[in-house]
Amino acid sequence: WLEELHRRSGLHPIYFFPTGPYGRYDKNPAASHPEFAKLVRTLARHNRVGLHPSYRSSTEGKWLEVEKRRLEKLTGRAIGRSRQHFLRLRFPETYRQLLAAGIREDHTLGYAERPGFRASIARPFPWYDLLEERITELTIVPFQIMDVTLRQYQGLSTAEAWQSCLPLIEHSRKVDGHLITLWHNNSLSDEGAWLGWRDFYAELAQWCRRLKKDDVP
């Protein structure tokens, strides 16, 4: 369903996979689990993929490189993208750790509590290390909308979420920006508290298609 939707809409998503250790804040399956490994390989075959570093890796840098190598082994390709678990960013430590590990593109910058332009820009930009006064090789790709922001943080229905998102969509269109949204796999399950949100995602994809954008839901 998801792959077909992206194909029809002309969208090119990035799938971020966790490969870190199981822990209090990391509930992902083991990277060695056959079904997980199969899923990663299948999606990586025709899509862009990136690393979803564990919560633990933010303060224990060794895990970042371990997790990156695991994903590279699964996909058979170099991994240069990441998105931090729980949007956990420590400035400038996180970005410096990513650079040291070989990550060149990060998709973490955005608000958790509300939709919006946290970087005040709707396009990717190079990270500037203020302490070292230099432009780095790390590209920051800010997002504007996240699924859990709408349903959990703000407690919105799908109809209310549309009213919240439409101004951002229009602002991005006016400046020829990149509308970037962040979605978790369970929010597309169409079950329980997420009932109806799969249709919301599909409608958002169609909006992007009508706007003739090469954006990433």
N, C-alpha and C. Protein backbone atom coordinates (compact mmCIF):
# COMPACT_ATOMS: atom_id res chain seq x y z
N TRP A 1 0.83 -1.22 0.00
CA TRP A 1 0.00 0.00 0.00
C TRP A 1 0.87 1.27 0.00
N LEU A 2 1.82 1.32 0.90
CA LEU A 2 2.65 2.52 1.05
C LEU A 2 3.53 2.75 -0.17
N GLU A 3 4.15 1.70 -0.65
CA GLU A 3 5.01 1.83 -1.82
C GLU A 3 4.21 2.26 -3.04
N GLU A 4 3.02 1.71 -3.19
CA GLU A 4 2.17 2.06 -4.33
C GLU A 4 1.71 3.52 -4.23
N LEU A 5 1.38 3.96 -3.03
CA LEU A 5 0.98 5.36 -2.82
C LEU A 5 2.10 6.31 -3.22
N HIS A 6 3.30 6.01 -2.78
CA HIS A 6 4.44 6.86 -3.13
C HIS A 6 4.70 6.87 -4.63
N ARG A 7 4.53 5.72 -5.25
CA ARG A 7 4.74 5.64 -6.69
C ARG A 7 3.72 6.50 -7.44
N ARG A 8 2.45 6.37 -7.07
CA ARG A 8 1.40 7.15 -7.73
C ARG A 8 1.55 8.64 -7.50
N SER A 9 2.04 9.00 -6.32
CA SER A 9 2.16 10.41 -5.96
C SER A 9 3.48 11.02 -6.41
N GLY A 10 4.38 10.21 -6.92
CA GLY A 10 5.67 10.73 -7.37
C GLY A 10 6.55 11.19 -6.23
N LEU A 11 6.39 10.58 -5.07
CA LEU A 11 7.17 10.96 -3.89
C LEU A 11 8.32 9.99 -3.66
N HIS A 12 9.35 10.50 -3.00
CA HIS A 12 10.56 9.70 -2.77
C HIS A 12 10.92 9.76 -1.28
N PRO A 13 10.29 8.93 -0.47
CA PRO A 13 10.52 8.98 0.98
C PRO A 13 11.90 8.46 1.37
N ILE A 14 12.26 8.75 2.59
CA ILE A 14 13.47 8.19 3.19
C ILE A 14 13.03 7.35 4.38
N TYR A 15 13.46 6.12 4.44
CA TYR A 15 13.14 5.24 5.56
C TYR A 15 14.33 5.21 6.52
N PHE A 16 14.07 5.57 7.78
CA PHE A 16 15.12 5.57 8.79
C PHE A 16 14.95 4.34 9.69
N PHE A 17 16.00 3.53 9.79
CA PHE A 17 15.93 2.28 10.54
C PHE A 17 16.78 2.32 11.80
N PRO A 18 16.23 1.84 12.94
CA PRO A 18 17.01 1.72 14.17
C PRO A 18 17.74 0.39 14.22
N THR A 19 18.98 0.41 14.63
CA THR A 19 19.75 -0.84 14.76
C THR A 19 20.48 -0.91 16.09
N GLY A 20 20.09 -0.05 17.02
CA GLY A 20 20.76 0.00 18.31
C GLY A 20 20.26 -1.04 19.30
N PRO A 21 20.82 -1.04 20.51
CA PRO A 21 20.43 -2.01 21.54
C PRO A 21 19.06 -1.70 22.11
N TYR A 22 18.36 -2.74 22.53
CA TYR A 22 17.06 -2.57 23.18
C TYR A 22 17.28 -1.92 24.54
N GLY A 23 16.43 -0.97 24.90
CA GLY A 23 16.60 -0.29 26.17
C GLY A 23 15.35 0.45 26.59
N ARG A 24 15.47 1.24 27.61
CA ARG A 24 14.32 1.96 28.18
C ARG A 24 13.64 2.84 27.14
N TYR A 25 14.42 3.50 26.31
CA TYR A 25 13.85 4.41 25.32
C TYR A 25 13.98 3.88 23.89
N ASP A 26 14.48 2.69 23.76
CA ASP A 26 14.68 2.09 22.43
C ASP A 26 14.00 0.72 22.39
N LYS A 27 12.87 0.65 21.71
CA LYS A 27 12.06 -0.58 21.70
C LYS A 27 12.06 -1.28 20.34
N ASN A 28 13.07 -1.03 19.55
CA ASN A 28 13.13 -1.61 18.21
C ASN A 28 13.54 -3.09 18.25
N PRO A 29 13.19 -3.85 17.21
CA PRO A 29 13.65 -5.24 17.13
C PRO A 29 15.15 -5.30 16.90
N ALA A 30 15.74 -6.42 17.19
CA ALA A 30 17.18 -6.59 16.98
C ALA A 30 17.49 -6.53 15.49
N ALA A 31 18.61 -5.92 15.15
CA ALA A 31 19.01 -5.80 13.74
C ALA A 31 19.21 -7.17 13.11
N SER A 32 19.47 -8.17 13.94
CA SER A 32 19.71 -9.53 13.44
C SER A 32 18.43 -10.33 13.24
N HIS A 33 17.30 -9.77 13.65
CA HIS A 33 16.03 -10.50 13.50
C HIS A 33 15.73 -10.70 12.02
N PRO A 34 15.46 -11.93 11.60
CA PRO A 34 15.28 -12.22 10.17
C PRO A 34 14.23 -11.36 9.47
N GLU A 35 13.08 -11.16 10.13
CA GLU A 35 12.01 -10.39 9.49
C GLU A 35 12.38 -8.91 9.37
N PHE A 36 13.05 -8.39 10.40
CA PHE A 36 13.49 -6.99 10.34
C PHE A 36 14.53 -6.82 9.25
N ALA A 37 15.49 -7.72 9.19
CA ALA A 37 16.53 -7.66 8.17
C ALA A 37 15.93 -7.74 6.77
N LYS A 38 14.93 -8.59 6.61
CA LYS A 38 14.27 -8.73 5.31
C LYS A 38 13.57 -7.44 4.92
N LEU A 39 12.88 -6.81 5.88
CA LEU A 39 12.19 -5.55 5.62
C LEU A 39 13.17 -4.46 5.20
N VAL A 40 14.27 -4.36 5.92
CA VAL A 40 15.27 -3.34 5.59
C VAL A 40 15.80 -3.54 4.17
N ARG A 41 16.15 -4.76 3.85
CA ARG A 41 16.70 -5.04 2.51
C ARG A 41 15.67 -4.77 1.42
N THR A 42 14.43 -5.12 1.68
CA THR A 42 13.38 -4.91 0.68
C THR A 42 13.17 -3.43 0.40
N LEU A 43 13.05 -2.63 1.45
CA LEU A 43 12.81 -1.20 1.27
C LEU A 43 14.04 -0.49 0.72
N ALA A 44 15.22 -0.96 1.12
CA ALA A 44 16.45 -0.31 0.65
C ALA A 44 16.71 -0.57 -0.82
N ARG A 45 16.07 -1.57 -1.36
CA ARG A 45 16.30 -1.94 -2.75
C ARG A 45 15.87 -0.83 -3.71
N HIS A 46 14.77 -0.13 -3.36
CA HIS A 46 14.24 0.88 -4.28
C HIS A 46 14.01 2.24 -3.61
N ASN A 47 14.50 2.41 -2.39
CA ASN A 47 14.27 3.65 -1.67
C ASN A 47 15.55 4.17 -1.01
N ARG A 48 15.53 5.44 -0.67
CA ARG A 48 16.60 6.01 0.13
C ARG A 48 16.40 5.58 1.58
N VAL A 49 17.48 5.27 2.25
CA VAL A 49 17.40 4.85 3.65
C VAL A 49 18.40 5.63 4.48
N GLY A 50 18.14 5.66 5.79
CA GLY A 50 19.03 6.35 6.70
C GLY A 50 19.00 5.67 8.06
N LEU A 51 19.86 6.12 8.95
CA LEU A 51 19.97 5.55 10.29
C LEU A 51 19.10 6.32 11.27
N HIS A 52 18.43 5.57 12.15
CA HIS A 52 17.66 6.16 13.25
C HIS A 52 18.44 5.85 14.53
N PRO A 53 19.44 6.68 14.87
CA PRO A 53 20.31 6.38 16.00
C PRO A 53 19.53 6.20 17.31
N SER A 54 20.01 5.33 18.15
CA SER A 54 19.35 5.07 19.42
C SER A 54 19.46 6.27 20.35
N TYR A 55 18.57 6.30 21.33
CA TYR A 55 18.60 7.35 22.35
C TYR A 55 19.95 7.33 23.07
N ARG A 56 20.42 6.13 23.29
CA ARG A 56 21.68 5.93 24.01
C ARG A 56 22.88 6.51 23.26
N SER A 57 22.82 6.47 21.94
CA SER A 57 23.97 6.91 21.14
C SER A 57 24.24 8.40 21.27
N SER A 58 23.25 9.15 21.74
CA SER A 58 23.43 10.59 21.88
C SER A 58 24.51 10.94 22.90
N THR A 59 24.62 10.12 23.94
CA THR A 59 25.62 10.38 24.97
C THR A 59 26.76 9.37 24.97
N GLU A 60 26.55 8.24 24.28
CA GLU A 60 27.60 7.23 24.15
C GLU A 60 27.95 7.09 22.68
N GLY A 61 28.85 7.95 22.23
CA GLY A 61 29.17 8.06 20.81
C GLY A 61 29.56 6.78 20.11
N LYS A 62 30.12 5.82 20.86
CA LYS A 62 30.56 4.58 20.22
C LYS A 62 29.41 3.85 19.55
N TRP A 63 28.19 4.00 20.12
CA TRP A 63 27.04 3.29 19.57
C TRP A 63 26.64 3.81 18.20
N LEU A 64 26.87 5.07 17.95
CA LEU A 64 26.50 5.64 16.65
C LEU A 64 27.22 4.91 15.52
N GLU A 65 28.51 4.70 15.68
CA GLU A 65 29.28 4.03 14.64
C GLU A 65 28.91 2.55 14.54
N VAL A 66 28.64 1.92 15.69
CA VAL A 66 28.23 0.51 15.68
C VAL A 66 26.91 0.35 14.93
N GLU A 67 25.95 1.21 15.23
CA GLU A 67 24.63 1.13 14.60
C GLU A 67 24.71 1.44 13.11
N LYS A 68 25.55 2.37 12.75
CA LYS A 68 25.72 2.72 11.34
C LYS A 68 26.30 1.53 10.57
N ARG A 69 27.29 0.87 11.15
CA ARG A 69 27.88 -0.30 10.48
C ARG A 69 26.86 -1.43 10.33
N ARG A 70 26.02 -1.61 11.32
CA ARG A 70 25.00 -2.65 11.24
C ARG A 70 24.05 -2.39 10.07
N LEU A 71 23.63 -1.15 9.93
CA LEU A 71 22.70 -0.82 8.85
C LEU A 71 23.39 -0.94 7.49
N GLU A 72 24.64 -0.56 7.43
CA GLU A 72 25.39 -0.69 6.18
C GLU A 72 25.54 -2.16 5.79
N LYS A 73 25.71 -3.01 6.79
CA LYS A 73 25.82 -4.45 6.50
C LYS A 73 24.50 -5.00 5.97
N LEU A 74 23.39 -4.53 6.54
CA LEU A 74 22.08 -4.99 6.12
C LEU A 74 21.74 -4.53 4.70
N THR A 75 22.07 -3.28 4.40
CA THR A 75 21.68 -2.70 3.11
C THR A 75 22.72 -2.91 2.02
N GLY A 76 23.96 -3.17 2.42
CA GLY A 76 25.02 -3.33 1.43
C GLY A 76 25.44 -2.03 0.79
N ARG A 77 25.19 -0.93 1.51
CA ARG A 77 25.56 0.38 0.97
C ARG A 77 26.00 1.32 2.09
N ALA A 78 26.72 2.36 1.73
CA ALA A 78 27.14 3.35 2.72
C ALA A 78 25.93 4.14 3.20
N ILE A 79 25.89 4.45 4.48
CA ILE A 79 24.79 5.21 5.06
C ILE A 79 25.27 6.60 5.42
N GLY A 80 24.61 7.61 4.87
CA GLY A 80 25.03 8.99 5.11
C GLY A 80 23.95 9.89 5.66
N ARG A 81 22.76 9.30 5.99
CA ARG A 81 21.65 10.09 6.51
C ARG A 81 21.25 9.59 7.89
N SER A 82 20.68 10.50 8.70
CA SER A 82 20.21 10.10 10.02
C SER A 82 19.04 10.96 10.46
N ARG A 83 18.30 10.42 11.44
CA ARG A 83 17.25 11.17 12.12
C ARG A 83 17.25 10.71 13.57
N GLN A 84 17.49 11.62 14.50
CA GLN A 84 17.69 11.26 15.90
C GLN A 84 16.40 10.80 16.59
N HIS A 85 16.55 9.78 17.43
CA HIS A 85 15.43 9.26 18.21
C HIS A 85 14.93 10.34 19.17
N PHE A 86 13.60 10.51 19.24
CA PHE A 86 12.98 11.53 20.08
C PHE A 86 13.45 12.95 19.73
N LEU A 87 13.94 13.12 18.51
CA LEU A 87 14.46 14.42 18.05
C LEU A 87 15.54 14.93 19.00
N ARG A 88 16.30 14.02 19.57
CA ARG A 88 17.29 14.40 20.58
C ARG A 88 18.52 15.05 19.94
N LEU A 89 18.66 16.34 20.18
CA LEU A 89 19.80 17.09 19.65
C LEU A 89 20.52 17.82 20.78
N ARG A 90 21.83 17.70 20.81
CA ARG A 90 22.67 18.48 21.73
C ARG A 90 23.63 19.28 20.87
N PHE A 91 23.55 20.59 20.99
CA PHE A 91 24.38 21.44 20.13
C PHE A 91 25.67 21.85 20.85
N PRO A 92 26.81 21.74 20.19
CA PRO A 92 27.03 21.20 18.84
C PRO A 92 27.41 19.71 18.83
N GLU A 93 27.33 19.07 20.02
CA GLU A 93 27.85 17.70 20.15
C GLU A 93 27.25 16.71 19.15
N THR A 94 25.92 16.73 19.03
CA THR A 94 25.27 15.75 18.15
C THR A 94 25.76 15.86 16.72
N TYR A 95 25.77 17.07 16.20
CA TYR A 95 26.19 17.26 14.81
C TYR A 95 27.66 16.90 14.61
N ARG A 96 28.48 17.19 15.59
CA ARG A 96 29.89 16.82 15.48
C ARG A 96 30.06 15.30 15.50
N GLN A 97 29.26 14.62 16.33
CA GLN A 97 29.32 13.16 16.37
C GLN A 97 28.90 12.56 15.03
N LEU A 98 27.86 13.13 14.44
CA LEU A 98 27.39 12.64 13.15
C LEU A 98 28.47 12.78 12.09
N LEU A 99 29.10 13.93 12.06
CA LEU A 99 30.17 14.16 11.08
C LEU A 99 31.31 13.17 11.28
N ALA A 100 31.68 12.95 12.53
CA ALA A 100 32.78 12.03 12.82
C ALA A 100 32.45 10.59 12.40
N ALA A 101 31.16 10.26 12.41
CA ALA A 101 30.73 8.90 12.05
C ALA A 101 30.50 8.75 10.55
N GLY A 102 30.63 9.84 9.81
CA GLY A 102 30.44 9.75 8.37
C GLY A 102 29.05 10.13 7.88
N ILE A 103 28.21 10.64 8.78
CA ILE A 103 26.88 11.11 8.39
C ILE A 103 27.01 12.51 7.78
N ARG A 104 26.34 12.71 6.66
CA ARG A 104 26.44 14.00 5.97
C ARG A 104 25.09 14.69 5.77
N GLU A 105 24.02 14.08 6.29
CA GLU A 105 22.68 14.66 6.12
C GLU A 105 21.82 14.27 7.32
N ASP A 106 21.30 15.26 8.06
CA ASP A 106 20.49 14.95 9.23
C ASP A 106 19.10 15.56 9.10
N HIS A 107 18.09 14.78 9.52
CA HIS A 107 16.68 15.15 9.34
C HIS A 107 15.96 15.32 10.67
N THR A 108 16.64 15.78 11.69
CA THR A 108 16.07 15.85 13.03
C THR A 108 15.47 17.19 13.39
N LEU A 109 15.92 18.26 12.78
CA LEU A 109 15.55 19.61 13.23
C LEU A 109 14.09 19.93 12.93
N GLY A 110 13.31 20.09 13.99
CA GLY A 110 11.89 20.42 13.87
C GLY A 110 11.29 20.48 15.26
N TYR A 111 10.08 21.01 15.36
CA TYR A 111 9.40 21.10 16.65
C TYR A 111 8.68 19.80 16.98
N ALA A 112 8.73 19.38 18.24
CA ALA A 112 7.96 18.21 18.67
C ALA A 112 6.55 18.63 19.08
N GLU A 113 6.42 19.80 19.72
CA GLU A 113 5.14 20.20 20.31
C GLU A 113 4.17 20.84 19.33
N ARG A 114 4.66 21.33 18.20
CA ARG A 114 3.77 21.99 17.24
C ARG A 114 4.41 21.97 15.86
N PRO A 115 3.59 22.04 14.81
CA PRO A 115 4.14 22.14 13.46
C PRO A 115 4.79 23.51 13.27
N GLY A 116 5.71 23.61 12.35
CA GLY A 116 6.32 24.91 12.09
C GLY A 116 7.71 24.81 11.52
N PHE A 117 8.28 25.98 11.29
CA PHE A 117 9.60 26.08 10.68
C PHE A 117 10.64 26.39 11.76
N ARG A 118 11.15 25.38 12.41
CA ARG A 118 12.09 25.60 13.51
C ARG A 118 13.37 26.29 13.04
N ALA A 119 13.77 26.02 11.82
CA ALA A 119 14.98 26.64 11.28
C ALA A 119 14.67 27.94 10.54
N SER A 120 13.38 28.32 10.53
CA SER A 120 12.93 29.53 9.82
C SER A 120 13.23 29.47 8.33
N ILE A 121 13.31 28.27 7.79
CA ILE A 121 13.60 28.09 6.38
C ILE A 121 12.99 26.76 5.93
N ALA A 122 12.58 26.70 4.68
CA ALA A 122 11.93 25.49 4.15
C ALA A 122 12.82 24.80 3.13
N ARG A 123 14.10 24.88 3.34
CA ARG A 123 15.05 24.21 2.45
C ARG A 123 16.23 23.66 3.26
N PRO A 124 16.89 22.63 2.76
CA PRO A 124 18.09 22.13 3.43
C PRO A 124 19.19 23.19 3.43
N PHE A 125 20.06 23.13 4.43
CA PHE A 125 21.14 24.11 4.52
C PHE A 125 22.35 23.49 5.21
N PRO A 126 23.55 23.97 4.95
CA PRO A 126 24.75 23.43 5.59
C PRO A 126 24.84 23.89 7.04
N TRP A 127 25.23 22.98 7.92
CA TRP A 127 25.38 23.36 9.32
C TRP A 127 26.65 24.17 9.50
N TYR A 128 26.48 25.31 10.19
CA TYR A 128 27.61 26.18 10.49
C TYR A 128 27.98 25.99 11.96
N ASP A 129 29.19 25.55 12.21
CA ASP A 129 29.68 25.35 13.57
C ASP A 129 30.11 26.69 14.13
N LEU A 130 29.30 27.26 15.01
CA LEU A 130 29.57 28.60 15.54
C LEU A 130 30.84 28.64 16.38
N LEU A 131 31.10 27.58 17.13
CA LEU A 131 32.28 27.58 18.00
C LEU A 131 33.58 27.51 17.20
N GLU A 132 33.53 26.83 16.07
CA GLU A 132 34.72 26.72 15.23
C GLU A 132 34.71 27.71 14.07
N GLU A 133 33.59 28.45 13.94
CA GLU A 133 33.44 29.45 12.88
C GLU A 133 33.76 28.87 11.50
N ARG A 134 33.01 27.81 11.15
CA ARG A 134 33.23 27.22 9.83
C ARG A 134 31.97 26.51 9.33
N ILE A 135 31.84 26.48 8.02
CA ILE A 135 30.77 25.72 7.39
C ILE A 135 31.20 24.26 7.33
N THR A 136 30.34 23.37 7.75
CA THR A 136 30.70 21.95 7.78
C THR A 136 30.11 21.21 6.57
N GLU A 137 30.41 19.94 6.49
CA GLU A 137 29.90 19.09 5.40
C GLU A 137 28.55 18.48 5.74
N LEU A 138 27.99 18.83 6.89
CA LEU A 138 26.70 18.27 7.31
C LEU A 138 25.55 19.14 6.81
N THR A 139 24.65 18.54 6.06
CA THR A 139 23.47 19.24 5.57
C THR A 139 22.30 18.97 6.51
N ILE A 140 21.63 20.05 6.94
CA ILE A 140 20.48 19.94 7.82
C ILE A 140 19.21 20.02 6.97
N VAL A 141 18.35 19.02 7.11
CA VAL A 141 17.08 19.00 6.37
C VAL A 141 15.96 19.16 7.39
N PRO A 142 15.45 20.37 7.59
CA PRO A 142 14.43 20.60 8.62
C PRO A 142 13.06 20.09 8.18
N PHE A 143 12.30 19.57 9.13
CA PHE A 143 10.92 19.15 8.82
C PHE A 143 9.94 20.13 9.44
N GLN A 144 8.71 20.12 8.93
CA GLN A 144 7.69 21.05 9.41
C GLN A 144 6.53 20.37 10.15
N ILE A 145 6.27 19.12 9.81
CA ILE A 145 5.10 18.42 10.36
C ILE A 145 5.49 17.02 10.81
N MET A 146 5.04 16.64 12.02
CA MET A 146 5.29 15.28 12.52
C MET A 146 3.98 14.67 13.00
N ASP A 147 3.78 13.40 12.74
CA ASP A 147 2.53 12.73 13.10
C ASP A 147 2.18 12.83 14.58
N VAL A 148 3.13 12.51 15.47
CA VAL A 148 2.83 12.52 16.90
C VAL A 148 2.60 13.93 17.44
N THR A 149 3.11 14.93 16.75
CA THR A 149 2.83 16.31 17.13
C THR A 149 1.33 16.57 17.03
N LEU A 150 0.76 16.16 15.92
CA LEU A 150 -0.64 16.43 15.64
C LEU A 150 -1.57 15.64 16.56
N ARG A 151 -1.35 14.34 16.66
CA ARG A 151 -2.30 13.51 17.41
C ARG A 151 -2.02 13.47 18.91
N GLN A 152 -0.74 13.37 19.31
CA GLN A 152 -0.42 13.20 20.72
C GLN A 152 -0.14 14.51 21.44
N TYR A 153 0.78 15.31 20.92
CA TYR A 153 1.11 16.55 21.61
C TYR A 153 -0.05 17.54 21.58
N GLN A 154 -0.71 17.67 20.43
CA GLN A 154 -1.79 18.65 20.29
C GLN A 154 -3.17 18.04 20.43
N GLY A 155 -3.27 16.72 20.38
CA GLY A 155 -4.55 16.06 20.56
C GLY A 155 -5.57 16.37 19.48
N LEU A 156 -5.11 16.53 18.24
CA LEU A 156 -6.00 16.92 17.16
C LEU A 156 -6.64 15.71 16.48
N SER A 157 -7.84 15.93 15.96
CA SER A 157 -8.46 14.95 15.08
C SER A 157 -7.84 15.13 13.70
N THR A 158 -8.11 14.23 12.78
CA THR A 158 -7.55 14.38 11.44
C THR A 158 -8.07 15.64 10.77
N ALA A 159 -9.33 15.98 11.01
CA ALA A 159 -9.90 17.19 10.41
C ALA A 159 -9.21 18.43 10.97
N GLU A 160 -8.99 18.45 12.28
CA GLU A 160 -8.32 19.59 12.91
C GLU A 160 -6.87 19.67 12.46
N ALA A 161 -6.25 18.51 12.27
CA ALA A 161 -4.86 18.48 11.83
C ALA A 161 -4.71 19.12 10.46
N TRP A 162 -5.70 18.91 9.59
CA TRP A 162 -5.64 19.53 8.26
C TRP A 162 -5.62 21.04 8.37
N GLN A 163 -6.45 21.58 9.23
CA GLN A 163 -6.49 23.03 9.40
C GLN A 163 -5.16 23.56 9.94
N SER A 164 -4.48 22.75 10.71
CA SER A 164 -3.18 23.14 11.25
C SER A 164 -2.09 23.07 10.20
N CYS A 165 -2.20 22.10 9.29
CA CYS A 165 -1.14 21.86 8.31
C CYS A 165 -1.27 22.69 7.04
N LEU A 166 -2.48 23.03 6.65
CA LEU A 166 -2.68 23.73 5.38
C LEU A 166 -1.88 25.03 5.26
N PRO A 167 -1.82 25.87 6.31
CA PRO A 167 -1.00 27.09 6.19
C PRO A 167 0.47 26.79 5.92
N LEU A 168 1.01 25.73 6.53
CA LEU A 168 2.41 25.36 6.30
C LEU A 168 2.62 24.89 4.87
N ILE A 169 1.65 24.13 4.37
CA ILE A 169 1.73 23.67 2.99
C ILE A 169 1.74 24.87 2.04
N GLU A 170 0.88 25.83 2.32
CA GLU A 170 0.78 27.01 1.46
C GLU A 170 2.04 27.87 1.56
N HIS A 171 2.57 28.04 2.77
CA HIS A 171 3.81 28.82 2.93
C HIS A 171 4.95 28.17 2.15
N SER A 172 5.05 26.85 2.22
CA SER A 172 6.11 26.15 1.49
C SER A 172 5.94 26.33 -0.01
N ARG A 173 4.70 26.27 -0.47
CA ARG A 173 4.44 26.43 -1.90
C ARG A 173 4.83 27.81 -2.39
N LYS A 174 4.49 28.83 -1.62
CA LYS A 174 4.75 30.21 -2.04
C LYS A 174 6.23 30.51 -2.23
N VAL A 175 7.06 29.90 -1.41
CA VAL A 175 8.50 30.18 -1.49
C VAL A 175 9.26 29.08 -2.22
N ASP A 176 8.51 28.17 -2.86
CA ASP A 176 9.11 27.04 -3.57
C ASP A 176 10.00 26.24 -2.61
N GLY A 177 9.48 26.05 -1.39
CA GLY A 177 10.25 25.33 -0.38
C GLY A 177 10.00 23.83 -0.42
N HIS A 178 10.62 23.12 0.50
CA HIS A 178 10.46 21.68 0.61
C HIS A 178 9.54 21.38 1.79
N LEU A 179 8.40 20.81 1.52
CA LEU A 179 7.52 20.39 2.60
C LEU A 179 7.99 19.02 3.09
N ILE A 180 8.55 18.99 4.29
CA ILE A 180 9.08 17.75 4.84
C ILE A 180 8.22 17.33 6.03
N THR A 181 7.73 16.11 6.01
CA THR A 181 6.95 15.60 7.12
C THR A 181 7.59 14.33 7.66
N LEU A 182 7.30 14.04 8.92
CA LEU A 182 7.94 12.91 9.61
C LEU A 182 6.85 11.97 10.11
N TRP A 183 6.95 10.71 9.70
CA TRP A 183 5.94 9.72 10.08
C TRP A 183 6.58 8.46 10.65
N HIS A 184 5.90 7.89 11.64
CA HIS A 184 6.34 6.64 12.24
C HIS A 184 5.50 5.49 11.68
N ASN A 185 6.06 4.30 11.68
CA ASN A 185 5.36 3.17 11.08
C ASN A 185 4.02 2.87 11.74
N ASN A 186 3.94 3.02 13.08
CA ASN A 186 2.68 2.67 13.76
C ASN A 186 1.56 3.66 13.46
N SER A 187 1.90 4.89 13.08
CA SER A 187 0.86 5.87 12.79
C SER A 187 0.13 5.58 11.48
N LEU A 188 0.69 4.69 10.68
CA LEU A 188 0.05 4.31 9.42
C LEU A 188 -0.63 2.95 9.53
N SER A 189 -0.76 2.45 10.75
CA SER A 189 -1.36 1.13 10.97
C SER A 189 -2.86 1.13 10.77
N ASP A 190 -3.48 2.30 10.91
CA ASP A 190 -4.94 2.45 10.81
C ASP A 190 -5.65 1.65 11.89
N GLU A 191 -5.02 1.57 13.06
CA GLU A 191 -5.58 0.83 14.18
C GLU A 191 -5.54 1.66 15.45
N GLY A 192 -6.45 1.36 16.37
CA GLY A 192 -6.45 2.01 17.67
C GLY A 192 -6.52 3.53 17.57
N ALA A 193 -5.63 4.19 18.31
CA ALA A 193 -5.62 5.65 18.32
C ALA A 193 -5.25 6.25 16.97
N TRP A 194 -4.65 5.44 16.10
CA TRP A 194 -4.22 5.95 14.79
C TRP A 194 -5.23 5.64 13.68
N LEU A 195 -6.42 5.22 14.05
CA LEU A 195 -7.46 4.96 13.07
C LEU A 195 -7.79 6.25 12.31
N GLY A 196 -7.71 6.21 10.99
CA GLY A 196 -8.02 7.37 10.17
C GLY A 196 -6.80 8.14 9.71
N TRP A 197 -5.66 7.91 10.35
CA TRP A 197 -4.46 8.69 10.00
C TRP A 197 -3.78 8.17 8.74
N ARG A 198 -4.06 6.94 8.36
CA ARG A 198 -3.54 6.44 7.09
C ARG A 198 -4.17 7.23 5.94
N ASP A 199 -5.46 7.48 6.04
CA ASP A 199 -6.14 8.28 5.01
C ASP A 199 -5.61 9.70 5.00
N PHE A 200 -5.30 10.23 6.18
CA PHE A 200 -4.73 11.58 6.26
C PHE A 200 -3.41 11.63 5.50
N TYR A 201 -2.58 10.62 5.71
CA TYR A 201 -1.28 10.57 5.03
C TYR A 201 -1.47 10.47 3.52
N ALA A 202 -2.41 9.64 3.10
CA ALA A 202 -2.66 9.48 1.67
C ALA A 202 -3.13 10.79 1.05
N GLU A 203 -3.97 11.52 1.77
CA GLU A 203 -4.44 12.81 1.24
C GLU A 203 -3.30 13.82 1.18
N LEU A 204 -2.43 13.78 2.18
CA LEU A 204 -1.26 14.67 2.17
C LEU A 204 -0.37 14.37 0.97
N ALA A 205 -0.20 13.10 0.67
CA ALA A 205 0.60 12.70 -0.48
C ALA A 205 -0.01 13.24 -1.77
N GLN A 206 -1.33 13.20 -1.86
CA GLN A 206 -1.99 13.72 -3.05
C GLN A 206 -1.85 15.23 -3.16
N TRP A 207 -1.86 15.91 -2.03
CA TRP A 207 -1.63 17.35 -2.04
C TRP A 207 -0.25 17.66 -2.62
N CYS A 208 0.74 16.92 -2.19
CA CYS A 208 2.10 17.13 -2.69
C CYS A 208 2.15 16.88 -4.19
N ARG A 209 1.43 15.89 -4.64
CA ARG A 209 1.40 15.58 -6.07
C ARG A 209 0.77 16.73 -6.85
N ARG A 210 -0.34 17.26 -6.34
CA ARG A 210 -1.01 18.36 -7.04
C ARG A 210 -0.14 19.61 -7.08
N LEU A 211 0.65 19.79 -6.03
CA LEU A 211 1.53 20.95 -5.98
C LEU A 211 2.80 20.74 -6.79
N LYS A 212 2.92 19.52 -7.35
CA LYS A 212 4.08 19.18 -8.18
C LYS A 212 5.38 19.37 -7.43
N LYS A 213 5.37 18.87 -6.19
CA LYS A 213 6.56 18.96 -5.35
C LYS A 213 7.24 17.61 -5.27
N ASP A 214 8.55 17.62 -5.13
CA ASP A 214 9.30 16.39 -4.91
C ASP A 214 9.66 16.33 -3.43
N ASP A 215 8.60 16.42 -2.59
CA ASP A 215 8.81 16.51 -1.15
C ASP A 215 8.66 15.14 -0.51
N VAL A 216 8.91 15.09 0.77
CA VAL A 216 8.99 13.80 1.46
C VAL A 216 8.01 13.73 2.61
N PRO A 217 6.85 13.05 2.46
CA PRO A 217 5.98 12.85 3.62
C PRO A 217 6.64 11.88 4.60
